[in-house]
PDB file of N, CA and C in Angstrom:
ATOM      1  N   ARG A   1      -6.658 -36.936 -21.764  1.00  0.00           N
ATOM      2  CA  ARG A   1      -5.198 -36.074 -21.412  1.00  0.00           C
ATOM      3  C   ARG A   1      -5.022 -35.290 -22.426  1.00  0.00           C
ATOM      4  N   ALA A   2      -4.780 -35.615 -23.614  1.00  0.00           N
ATOM      5  CA  ALA A   2      -4.241 -34.673 -24.767  1.00  0.00           C
ATOM      6  C   ALA A   2      -5.285 -33.550 -24.967  1.00  0.00           C
ATOM      7  N   GLU A   3      -6.590 -33.891 -24.737  1.00  0.00           N
ATOM      8  CA  GLU A   3      -7.538 -32.672 -24.912  1.00  0.00           C
ATOM      9  C   GLU A   3      -7.169 -31.610 -23.766  1.00  0.00           C
ATOM     10  N   LEU A   4      -6.893 -32.067 -22.606  1.00  0.00           N
ATOM     11  CA  LEU A   4      -6.618 -30.963 -21.493  1.00  0.00           C
ATOM     12  C   LEU A   4      -5.318 -30.409 -21.610  1.00  0.00           C
ATOM     13  N   GLU A   5      -4.250 -31.177 -22.337  1.00  0.00           N
ATOM     14  CA  GLU A   5      -3.049 -30.428 -22.799  1.00  0.00           C
ATOM     15  C   GLU A   5      -3.165 -29.426 -23.796  1.00  0.00           C
ATOM     16  N   ALA A   6      -4.022 -29.729 -24.965  1.00  0.00           N
ATOM     17  CA  ALA A   6      -4.289 -28.836 -26.062  1.00  0.00           C
ATOM     18  C   ALA A   6      -5.156 -27.496 -25.354  1.00  0.00           C
ATOM     19  N   GLN A   7      -5.991 -27.719 -24.441  1.00  0.00           N
ATOM     20  CA  GLN A   7      -6.684 -26.523 -23.741  1.00  0.00           C
ATOM     21  C   GLN A   7      -6.002 -25.850 -23.057  1.00  0.00           C
ATOM     22  N   ALA A   8      -4.862 -26.330 -22.230  1.00  0.00           N
ATOM     23  CA  ALA A   8      -3.860 -25.416 -21.392  1.00  0.00           C
ATOM     24  C   ALA A   8      -2.990 -24.809 -22.380  1.00  0.00           C
ATOM     25  N   ALA A   9      -2.667 -25.521 -23.476  1.00  0.00           N
ATOM     26  CA  ALA A   9      -1.793 -24.800 -24.476  1.00  0.00           C
ATOM     27  C   ALA A   9      -2.438 -23.607 -25.003  1.00  0.00           C
ATOM     28  N   GLU A  10      -3.635 -23.812 -25.304  1.00  0.00           N
ATOM     29  CA  GLU A  10      -4.453 -22.613 -25.896  1.00  0.00           C
ATOM     30  C   GLU A  10      -4.623 -21.509 -24.798  1.00  0.00           C
ATOM     31  N   VAL A  11      -4.816 -21.707 -23.653  1.00  0.00           N
ATOM     32  CA  VAL A  11      -4.913 -20.787 -22.781  1.00  0.00           C
ATOM     33  C   VAL A  11      -3.783 -19.988 -22.272  1.00  0.00           C
ATOM     34  N   MET A  12      -2.620 -20.765 -22.639  1.00  0.00           N
ATOM     35  CA  MET A  12      -1.059 -20.145 -22.288  1.00  0.00           C
ATOM     36  C   MET A  12      -1.063 -19.251 -23.673  1.00  0.00           C
ATOM     37  N   ALA A  13      -1.196 -19.597 -24.919  1.00  0.00           N
ATOM     38  CA  ALA A  13      -1.243 -19.245 -26.126  1.00  0.00           C
ATOM     39  C   ALA A  13      -1.894 -17.627 -26.128  1.00  0.00           C
ATOM     40  N   GLU A  14      -3.223 -17.824 -25.521  1.00  0.00           N
ATOM     41  CA  GLU A  14      -3.925 -16.621 -25.574  1.00  0.00           C
ATOM     42  C   GLU A  14      -3.220 -15.429 -24.553  1.00  0.00           C
ATOM     43  N   ALA A  15      -2.843 -15.883 -23.176  1.00  0.00           N
ATOM     44  CA  ALA A  15      -2.158 -15.190 -22.209  1.00  0.00           C
ATOM     45  C   ALA A  15      -0.999 -14.703 -22.931  1.00  0.00           C
ATOM     46  N   SER A  16       0.086 -15.181 -23.689  1.00  0.00           N
ATOM     47  CA  SER A  16       1.231 -15.030 -24.270  1.00  0.00           C
ATOM     48  C   SER A  16       0.857 -13.543 -25.190  1.00  0.00           C
ATOM     49  N   LYS A  17      -0.234 -13.941 -25.910  1.00  0.00           N
ATOM     50  CA  LYS A  17      -0.494 -12.914 -26.906  1.00  0.00           C
ATOM     51  C   LYS A  17      -0.916 -11.687 -26.422  1.00  0.00           C
ATOM     52  N   ARG A  18      -1.744 -11.610 -25.290  1.00  0.00           N
ATOM     53  CA  ARG A  18      -2.189 -10.451 -24.567  1.00  0.00           C
ATOM     54  C   ARG A  18      -0.968  -9.876 -23.956  1.00  0.00           C
ATOM     55  N   GLY A  19       0.144 -10.700 -23.282  1.00  0.00           N
ATOM     56  CA  GLY A  19       1.212 -10.068 -22.684  1.00  0.00           C
ATOM     57  C   GLY A  19       1.908  -9.570 -23.665  1.00  0.00           C
ATOM     58  N   GLU A  20       2.312  -9.892 -24.978  1.00  0.00           N
ATOM     59  CA  GLU A  20       2.902  -9.084 -26.060  1.00  0.00           C
ATOM     60  C   GLU A  20       2.255  -7.858 -26.171  1.00  0.00           C
ATOM     61  N   GLN A  21       0.808  -7.827 -26.153  1.00  0.00           N
ATOM     62  CA  GLN A  21       0.137  -6.347 -26.499  1.00  0.00           C
ATOM     63  C   GLN A  21       0.369  -5.543 -25.153  1.00  0.00           C
ATOM     64  N   LEU A  22       0.689  -5.944 -23.993  1.00  0.00           N
ATOM     65  CA  LEU A  22       0.908  -5.331 -22.730  1.00  0.00           C
ATOM     66  C   LEU A  22       2.411  -4.777 -22.741  1.00  0.00           C
ATOM     67  N   GLU A  23       3.014  -5.480 -23.266  1.00  0.00           N
ATOM     68  CA  GLU A  23       4.680  -5.260 -23.143  1.00  0.00           C
ATOM     69  C   GLU A  23       5.109  -3.832 -23.681  1.00  0.00           C
ATOM     70  N   GLY A  24       5.665  -3.114 -22.503  1.00  0.00           N
ATOM     71  CA  GLY A  24       6.092  -1.685 -22.779  1.00  0.00           C
ATOM     72  C   GLY A  24       4.981  -0.604 -22.768  1.00  0.00           C
ATOM     73  N   MET A  25       3.547  -1.168 -22.227  1.00  0.00           N
ATOM     74  CA  MET A  25       2.800  -0.315 -21.960  1.00  0.00           C
ATOM     75  C   MET A  25       2.778   0.671 -20.666  1.00  0.00           C
ATOM     76  N   ALA A  26       2.468   2.061 -21.119  1.00  0.00           N
ATOM     77  CA  ALA A  26       2.566   3.020 -20.302  1.00  0.00           C
ATOM     78  C   ALA A  26       1.125   3.620 -19.998  1.00  0.00           C
ATOM     79  N   ILE A  27       0.667   3.526 -18.699  1.00  0.00           N
ATOM     80  CA  ILE A  27      -0.571   4.161 -18.405  1.00  0.00           C
ATOM     81  C   ILE A  27      -0.724   5.350 -17.608  1.00  0.00           C
ATOM     82  N   THR A  28      -1.550   6.172 -17.761  1.00  0.00           N
ATOM     83  CA  THR A  28      -1.627   7.293 -17.108  1.00  0.00           C
ATOM     84  C   THR A  28      -3.105   7.530 -16.309  1.00  0.00           C
ATOM     85  N   ILE A  29      -3.180   7.682 -15.022  1.00  0.00           N
ATOM     86  CA  ILE A  29      -4.302   7.649 -14.321  1.00  0.00           C
ATOM     87  C   ILE A  29      -4.444   9.147 -13.661  1.00  0.00           C
ATOM     88  N   VAL A  30      -5.538   9.969 -14.047  1.00  0.00           N
ATOM     89  CA  VAL A  30      -5.568  11.319 -13.372  1.00  0.00           C
ATOM     90  C   VAL A  30      -6.603  11.164 -12.304  1.00  0.00           C
ATOM     91  N   VAL A  31      -6.236  11.797 -11.188  1.00  0.00           N
ATOM     92  CA  VAL A  31      -6.906  11.607  -9.775  1.00  0.00           C
ATOM     93  C   VAL A  31      -6.714  12.919  -9.086  1.00  0.00           C
ATOM     94  N   LYS A  32      -7.764  13.062  -8.266  1.00  0.00           N
ATOM     95  CA  LYS A  32      -7.649  14.306  -7.145  1.00  0.00           C
ATOM     96  C   LYS A  32      -6.647  14.042  -6.486  1.00  0.00           C
ATOM     97  N   ALA A  33      -5.785  15.197  -5.982  1.00  0.00           N
ATOM     98  CA  ALA A  33      -4.935  14.902  -4.979  1.00  0.00           C
ATOM     99  C   ALA A  33      -4.751  16.235  -4.327  1.00  0.00           C
ATOM    100  N   GLY A  34      -4.164  16.141  -2.998  1.00  0.00           N
ATOM    101  CA  GLY A  34      -3.832  17.247  -2.110  1.00  0.00           C
ATOM    102  C   GLY A  34      -2.517  17.864  -2.645  1.00  0.00           C
ATOM    103  N   ASP A  35      -1.929  18.838  -1.880  1.00  0.00           N
ATOM    104  CA  ASP A  35      -0.737  19.520  -2.193  1.00  0.00           C
ATOM    105  C   ASP A  35       0.495  18.869  -2.070  1.00  0.00           C
ATOM    106  N   GLU A  36       0.389  17.786  -1.020  1.00  0.00           N
ATOM    107  CA  GLU A  36       1.625  17.103  -0.711  1.00  0.00           C
ATOM    108  C   GLU A  36       1.718  15.695  -1.276  1.00  0.00           C
ATOM    109  N   GLY A  37       0.892  15.679  -2.495  1.00  0.00           N
ATOM    110  CA  GLY A  37       0.753  14.306  -3.423  1.00  0.00           C
ATOM    111  C   GLY A  37      -0.005  13.297  -2.788  1.00  0.00           C
ATOM    112  N   LYS A  38      -0.686  13.309  -1.808  1.00  0.00           N
ATOM    113  CA  LYS A  38      -1.507  12.416  -1.228  1.00  0.00           C
ATOM    114  C   LYS A  38      -2.944  12.424  -1.971  1.00  0.00           C
ATOM    115  N   LEU A  39      -3.440  11.412  -2.434  1.00  0.00           N
ATOM    116  CA  LEU A  39      -4.551  11.100  -3.080  1.00  0.00           C
ATOM    117  C   LEU A  39      -5.835  11.292  -2.199  1.00  0.00           C
ATOM    118  N   TYR A  40      -6.963  11.826  -2.982  1.00  0.00           N
ATOM    119  CA  TYR A  40      -8.313  11.604  -2.237  1.00  0.00           C
ATOM    120  C   TYR A  40      -8.890  10.558  -2.752  1.00  0.00           C
ATOM    121  N   GLY A  41      -8.675   9.412  -1.800  1.00  0.00           N
ATOM    122  CA  GLY A  41      -9.019   8.167  -2.315  1.00  0.00           C
ATOM    123  C   GLY A  41      -7.918   7.388  -2.555  1.00  0.00           C
ATOM    124  N   SER A  42      -7.975   6.387  -3.417  1.00  0.00           N
ATOM    125  CA  SER A  42      -6.983   5.764  -3.843  1.00  0.00           C
ATOM    126  C   SER A  42      -7.068   5.173  -5.254  1.00  0.00           C
ATOM    127  N   VAL A  43      -5.863   4.279  -5.901  1.00  0.00           N
ATOM    128  CA  VAL A  43      -5.970   3.809  -7.229  1.00  0.00           C
ATOM    129  C   VAL A  43      -5.836   2.284  -7.004  1.00  0.00           C
ATOM    130  N   GLY A  44      -6.771   1.650  -7.357  1.00  0.00           N
ATOM    131  CA  GLY A  44      -6.752  -0.089  -6.817  1.00  0.00           C
ATOM    132  C   GLY A  44      -6.702  -0.886  -8.124  1.00  0.00           C
ATOM    133  N   THR A  45      -6.870  -2.106  -8.010  1.00  0.00           N
ATOM    134  CA  THR A  45      -6.874  -3.017  -9.149  1.00  0.00           C
ATOM    135  C   THR A  45      -7.723  -2.714 -10.195  1.00  0.00           C
ATOM    136  N   GLN A  46      -9.008  -2.276  -9.767  1.00  0.00           N
ATOM    137  CA  GLN A  46     -10.071  -2.232 -10.691  1.00  0.00           C
ATOM    138  C   GLN A  46      -9.955  -1.105 -11.411  1.00  0.00           C
ATOM    139  N   ASP A  47      -9.338   0.224 -10.860  1.00  0.00           N
ATOM    140  CA  ASP A  47      -8.742   1.281 -11.733  1.00  0.00           C
ATOM    141  C   ASP A  47      -8.020   1.067 -12.804  1.00  0.00           C
ATOM    142  N   ILE A  48      -6.877   0.284 -12.377  1.00  0.00           N
ATOM    143  CA  ILE A  48      -5.764  -0.233 -13.251  1.00  0.00           C
ATOM    144  C   ILE A  48      -6.314  -1.021 -14.335  1.00  0.00           C
ATOM    145  N   ALA A  49      -7.119  -2.110 -14.019  1.00  0.00           N
ATOM    146  CA  ALA A  49      -7.720  -2.872 -15.084  1.00  0.00           C
ATOM    147  C   ALA A  49      -8.550  -2.107 -16.029  1.00  0.00           C
ATOM    148  N   ASP A  50      -9.228  -1.188 -15.465  1.00  0.00           N
ATOM    149  CA  ASP A  50     -10.015  -0.392 -16.441  1.00  0.00           C
ATOM    150  C   ASP A  50      -9.310   0.658 -17.334  1.00  0.00           C
ATOM    151  N   ALA A  51      -8.249   1.271 -16.977  1.00  0.00           N
ATOM    152  CA  ALA A  51      -7.309   1.829 -17.784  1.00  0.00           C
ATOM    153  C   ALA A  51      -6.521   1.263 -18.710  1.00  0.00           C
ATOM    154  N   VAL A  52      -6.144  -0.151 -18.439  1.00  0.00           N
ATOM    155  CA  VAL A  52      -5.541  -1.008 -19.471  1.00  0.00           C
ATOM    156  C   VAL A  52      -6.593  -1.566 -20.613  1.00  0.00           C
ATOM    157  N   THR A  53      -7.737  -1.707 -19.938  1.00  0.00           N
ATOM    158  CA  THR A  53      -8.752  -2.217 -20.861  1.00  0.00           C
ATOM    159  C   THR A  53      -9.050  -1.303 -21.826  1.00  0.00           C
ATOM    160  N   ALA A  54      -9.112   0.062 -21.375  1.00  0.00           N
ATOM    161  CA  ALA A  54      -9.360   1.296 -22.130  1.00  0.00           C
ATOM    162  C   ALA A  54      -8.505   1.519 -23.352  1.00  0.00           C
ATOM    163  N   LYS A  55      -7.144   1.028 -23.130  1.00  0.00           N
ATOM    164  CA  LYS A  55      -6.001   1.093 -24.028  1.00  0.00           C
ATOM    165  C   LYS A  55      -6.160  -0.262 -25.148  1.00  0.00           C
ATOM    166  N   GLY A  56      -7.218  -1.074 -25.050  1.00  0.00           N
ATOM    167  CA  GLY A  56      -7.403  -1.916 -26.098  1.00  0.00           C
ATOM    168  C   GLY A  56      -6.943  -3.241 -25.661  1.00  0.00           C
ATOM    169  N   VAL A  57      -6.292  -3.530 -24.405  1.00  0.00           N
ATOM    170  CA  VAL A  57      -6.150  -4.934 -23.903  1.00  0.00           C
ATOM    171  C   VAL A  57      -7.020  -5.326 -22.822  1.00  0.00           C
ATOM    172  N   GLU A  58      -7.762  -6.019 -23.005  1.00  0.00           N
ATOM    173  CA  GLU A  58      -8.756  -6.556 -21.952  1.00  0.00           C
ATOM    174  C   GLU A  58      -8.246  -7.416 -20.684  1.00  0.00           C
ATOM    175  N   ILE A  59      -8.031  -6.954 -19.484  1.00  0.00           N
ATOM    176  CA  ILE A  59      -7.564  -7.666 -18.474  1.00  0.00           C
ATOM    177  C   ILE A  59      -8.700  -7.515 -17.515  1.00  0.00           C
ATOM    178  N   GLU A  60      -8.689  -8.607 -16.289  1.00  0.00           N
ATOM    179  CA  GLU A  60      -9.278  -8.491 -15.099  1.00  0.00           C
ATOM    180  C   GLU A  60      -8.565  -7.966 -14.176  1.00  0.00           C
ATOM    181  N   LYS A  61      -9.497  -7.433 -13.084  1.00  0.00           N
ATOM    182  CA  LYS A  61      -8.824  -6.995 -11.818  1.00  0.00           C
ATOM    183  C   LYS A  61      -7.965  -7.821 -11.096  1.00  0.00           C
ATOM    184  N   SER A  62      -8.437  -9.159 -11.176  1.00  0.00           N
ATOM    185  CA  SER A  62      -7.695 -10.021 -10.436  1.00  0.00           C
ATOM    186  C   SER A  62      -6.291 -10.623 -10.964  1.00  0.00           C
ATOM    187  N   GLU A  63      -5.855  -9.971 -12.401  1.00  0.00           N
ATOM    188  CA  GLU A  63      -4.896 -10.050 -12.767  1.00  0.00           C
ATOM    189  C   GLU A  63      -3.663  -9.073 -12.565  1.00  0.00           C
ATOM    190  N   VAL A  64      -4.232  -8.130 -11.863  1.00  0.00           N
ATOM    191  CA  VAL A  64      -3.574  -6.752 -11.622  1.00  0.00           C
ATOM    192  C   VAL A  64      -2.843  -7.283 -10.079  1.00  0.00           C
ATOM    193  N   LYS A  65      -1.527  -7.257 -10.063  1.00  0.00           N
ATOM    194  CA  LYS A  65      -0.780  -7.421  -8.576  1.00  0.00           C
ATOM    195  C   LYS A  65      -0.386  -6.151  -7.916  1.00  0.00           C
ATOM    196  N   LEU A  66      -0.902  -5.896  -6.808  1.00  0.00           N
ATOM    197  CA  LEU A  66      -0.477  -4.658  -6.146  1.00  0.00           C
ATOM    198  C   LEU A  66       0.062  -5.252  -4.670  1.00  0.00           C
ATOM    199  N   PRO A  67       1.257  -6.095  -4.422  1.00  0.00           N
ATOM    200  CA  PRO A  67       1.597  -6.446  -3.240  1.00  0.00           C
ATOM    201  C   PRO A  67       1.730  -5.484  -2.246  1.00  0.00           C
ATOM    202  N   GLU A  68       1.688  -4.197  -2.171  1.00  0.00           N
ATOM    203  CA  GLU A  68       2.025  -3.299  -1.166  1.00  0.00           C
ATOM    204  C   GLU A  68       0.375  -2.453  -1.008  1.00  0.00           C
ATOM    205  N   GLY A  69      -0.576  -3.180  -1.610  1.00  0.00           N
ATOM    206  CA  GLY A  69      -1.718  -2.507  -1.286  1.00  0.00           C
ATOM    207  C   GLY A  69      -2.243  -1.491  -2.484  1.00  0.00           C
ATOM    208  N   THR A  70      -3.259  -0.766  -2.207  1.00  0.00           N
ATOM    209  CA  THR A  70      -3.613   0.176  -3.271  1.00  0.00           C
ATOM    210  C   THR A  70      -2.752   1.530  -3.100  1.00  0.00           C
ATOM    211  N   ILE A  71      -2.678   2.265  -4.356  1.00  0.00           N
ATOM    212  CA  ILE A  71      -1.825   3.368  -4.471  1.00  0.00           C
ATOM    213  C   ILE A  71      -2.758   4.604  -3.990  1.00  0.00           C
ATOM    214  N   ARG A  72      -1.914   5.355  -2.914  1.00  0.00           N
ATOM    215  CA  ARG A  72      -2.212   6.478  -2.225  1.00  0.00           C
ATOM    216  C   ARG A  72      -1.549   7.742  -2.444  1.00  0.00           C
ATOM    217  N   GLU A  73      -0.583   7.632  -3.348  1.00  0.00           N
ATOM    218  CA  GLU A  73       0.372   8.815  -3.566  1.00  0.00           C
ATOM    219  C   GLU A  73       0.567   8.855  -5.132  1.00  0.00           C
ATOM    220  N   LEU A  74       0.768  10.156  -5.586  1.00  0.00           N
ATOM    221  CA  LEU A  74       1.087  10.413  -6.756  1.00  0.00           C
ATOM    222  C   LEU A  74       2.508  10.010  -7.113  1.00  0.00           C
ATOM    223  N   GLY A  75       2.636   9.700  -8.354  1.00  0.00           N
ATOM    224  CA  GLY A  75       4.201   9.162  -8.719  1.00  0.00           C
ATOM    225  C   GLY A  75       4.256   8.238  -9.903  1.00  0.00           C
ATOM    226  N   GLU A  76       5.306   7.462 -10.042  1.00  0.00           N
ATOM    227  CA  GLU A  76       5.555   6.601 -11.215  1.00  0.00           C
ATOM    228  C   GLU A  76       5.548   5.102 -10.480  1.00  0.00           C
ATOM    229  N   TYR A  77       4.902   4.156 -11.138  1.00  0.00           N
ATOM    230  CA  TYR A  77       4.981   2.786 -10.240  1.00  0.00           C
ATOM    231  C   TYR A  77       5.046   1.782 -11.493  1.00  0.00           C
ATOM    232  N   GLU A  78       5.710   0.748 -11.192  1.00  0.00           N
ATOM    233  CA  GLU A  78       5.923  -0.625 -11.978  1.00  0.00           C
ATOM    234  C   GLU A  78       4.756  -1.479 -11.572  1.00  0.00           C
ATOM    235  N   ILE A  79       3.839  -1.800 -12.373  1.00  0.00           N
ATOM    236  CA  ILE A  79       2.656  -2.620 -11.806  1.00  0.00           C
ATOM    237  C   ILE A  79       2.634  -4.065 -12.551  1.00  0.00           C
ATOM    238  N   ASP A  80       2.731  -4.903 -11.809  1.00  0.00           N
ATOM    239  CA  ASP A  80       2.872  -6.333 -12.468  1.00  0.00           C
ATOM    240  C   ASP A  80       1.392  -7.094 -12.833  1.00  0.00           C
ATOM    241  N   ILE A  81       1.276  -7.339 -14.126  1.00  0.00           N
ATOM    242  CA  ILE A  81       0.143  -7.917 -14.631  1.00  0.00           C
ATOM    243  C   ILE A  81       0.283  -9.578 -14.732  1.00  0.00           C
ATOM    244  N   GLN A  82      -0.312 -10.347 -14.078  1.00  0.00           N
ATOM    245  CA  GLN A  82      -0.356 -11.685 -14.147  1.00  0.00           C
ATOM    246  C   GLN A  82      -1.283 -12.481 -14.949  1.00  0.00           C
ATOM    247  N   LEU A  83      -0.942 -12.604 -16.065  1.00  0.00           N
ATOM    248  CA  LEU A  83      -1.952 -13.139 -17.072  1.00  0.00           C
ATOM    249  C   LEU A  83      -2.170 -14.621 -17.118  1.00  0.00           C
ATOM    250  N   HIS A  84      -1.252 -15.333 -16.670  1.00  0.00           N
ATOM    251  CA  HIS A  84      -1.205 -16.750 -16.445  1.00  0.00           C
ATOM    252  C   HIS A  84      -0.138 -17.223 -15.453  1.00  0.00           C
ATOM    253  N   SER A  85      -0.080 -18.248 -14.895  1.00  0.00           N
ATOM    254  CA  SER A  85       0.853 -18.696 -13.901  1.00  0.00           C
ATOM    255  C   SER A  85       2.198 -18.556 -14.458  1.00  0.00           C
ATOM    256  N   ASP A  86       2.527 -18.583 -15.727  1.00  0.00           N
ATOM    257  CA  ASP A  86       3.875 -18.600 -16.517  1.00  0.00           C
ATOM    258  C   ASP A  86       3.815 -17.243 -17.241  1.00  0.00           C
ATOM    259  N   VAL A  87       2.984 -16.285 -17.119  1.00  0.00           N
ATOM    260  CA  VAL A  87       3.202 -15.104 -18.194  1.00  0.00           C
ATOM    261  C   VAL A  87       2.987 -13.924 -17.146  1.00  0.00           C
ATOM    262  N   MET A  88       4.037 -13.220 -16.652  1.00  0.00           N
ATOM    263  CA  MET A  88       4.015 -12.082 -15.712  1.00  0.00           C
ATOM    264  C   MET A  88       4.749 -10.900 -16.739  1.00  0.00           C
ATOM    265  N   ILE A  89       3.764  -9.592 -16.695  1.00  0.00           N
ATOM    266  CA  ILE A  89       4.236  -8.622 -17.553  1.00  0.00           C
ATOM    267  C   ILE A  89       4.256  -7.334 -16.652  1.00  0.00           C
ATOM    268  N   THR A  90       5.278  -6.533 -16.765  1.00  0.00           N
ATOM    269  CA  THR A  90       5.148  -5.369 -15.842  1.00  0.00           C
ATOM    270  C   THR A  90       5.050  -4.062 -16.847  1.00  0.00           C
ATOM    271  N   ILE A  91       4.010  -3.289 -16.424  1.00  0.00           N
ATOM    272  CA  ILE A  91       3.635  -2.150 -17.186  1.00  0.00           C
ATOM    273  C   ILE A  91       3.970  -0.854 -16.250  1.00  0.00           C
ATOM    274  N   GLN A  92       4.012   0.246 -16.842  1.00  0.00           N
ATOM    275  CA  GLN A  92       4.363   1.677 -16.267  1.00  0.00           C
ATOM    276  C   GLN A  92       2.967   2.305 -16.068  1.00  0.00           C
ATOM    277  N   LEU A  93       2.964   2.795 -14.791  1.00  0.00           N
ATOM    278  CA  LEU A  93       1.861   3.560 -14.323  1.00  0.00           C
ATOM    279  C   LEU A  93       2.145   4.875 -13.804  1.00  0.00           C
ATOM    280  N   SER A  94       1.793   5.959 -14.139  1.00  0.00           N
ATOM    281  CA  SER A  94       1.877   7.253 -13.874  1.00  0.00           C
ATOM    282  C   SER A  94       0.390   7.654 -13.007  1.00  0.00           C
ATOM    283  N   VAL A  95       0.707   7.930 -12.014  1.00  0.00           N
ATOM    284  CA  VAL A  95      -0.522   8.719 -11.301  1.00  0.00           C
ATOM    285  C   VAL A  95      -0.249  10.119 -11.243  1.00  0.00           C
ATOM    286  N   VAL A  96      -0.985  10.906 -11.677  1.00  0.00           N
ATOM    287  CA  VAL A  96      -0.978  12.308 -11.920  1.00  0.00           C
ATOM    288  C   VAL A  96      -2.192  13.215 -11.411  1.00  0.00           C
ATOM    289  N   PRO A  97      -2.003  14.365 -10.860  1.00  0.00           N
ATOM    290  CA  PRO A  97      -3.070  15.095 -10.471  1.00  0.00           C
ATOM    291  C   PRO A  97      -3.796  15.711 -11.603  1.00  0.00           C
ATOM    292  N   GLU A  98      -5.142  16.118 -11.141  1.00  0.00           N
ATOM    293  CA  GLU A  98      -6.020  16.607 -12.080  1.00  0.00           C
ATOM    294  C   GLU A  98      -5.625  18.287 -12.641  1.00  0.00           C
TER     295      GLU A  98
END
């Protein structure tokens, strides 16, 4: 039991450390878009995970939460990243045209 608790504490500590690195992070994703702000395609969890990882903090696409589905319009978004059941960080995402 003590071994399991130590392992759980280690996972939690790692998630907290990654959360501190993500705190206040702002990401910009450049996409092709039409005149009215509609995207040709969409921005999904994999795109966001790749952009965050490119900034130096490794995350998985399963950790990116998009409750309203993929992003299909230009704009500013607050994206939740769930690193652990107790660690939820919000980052700023800007989707801008090419």
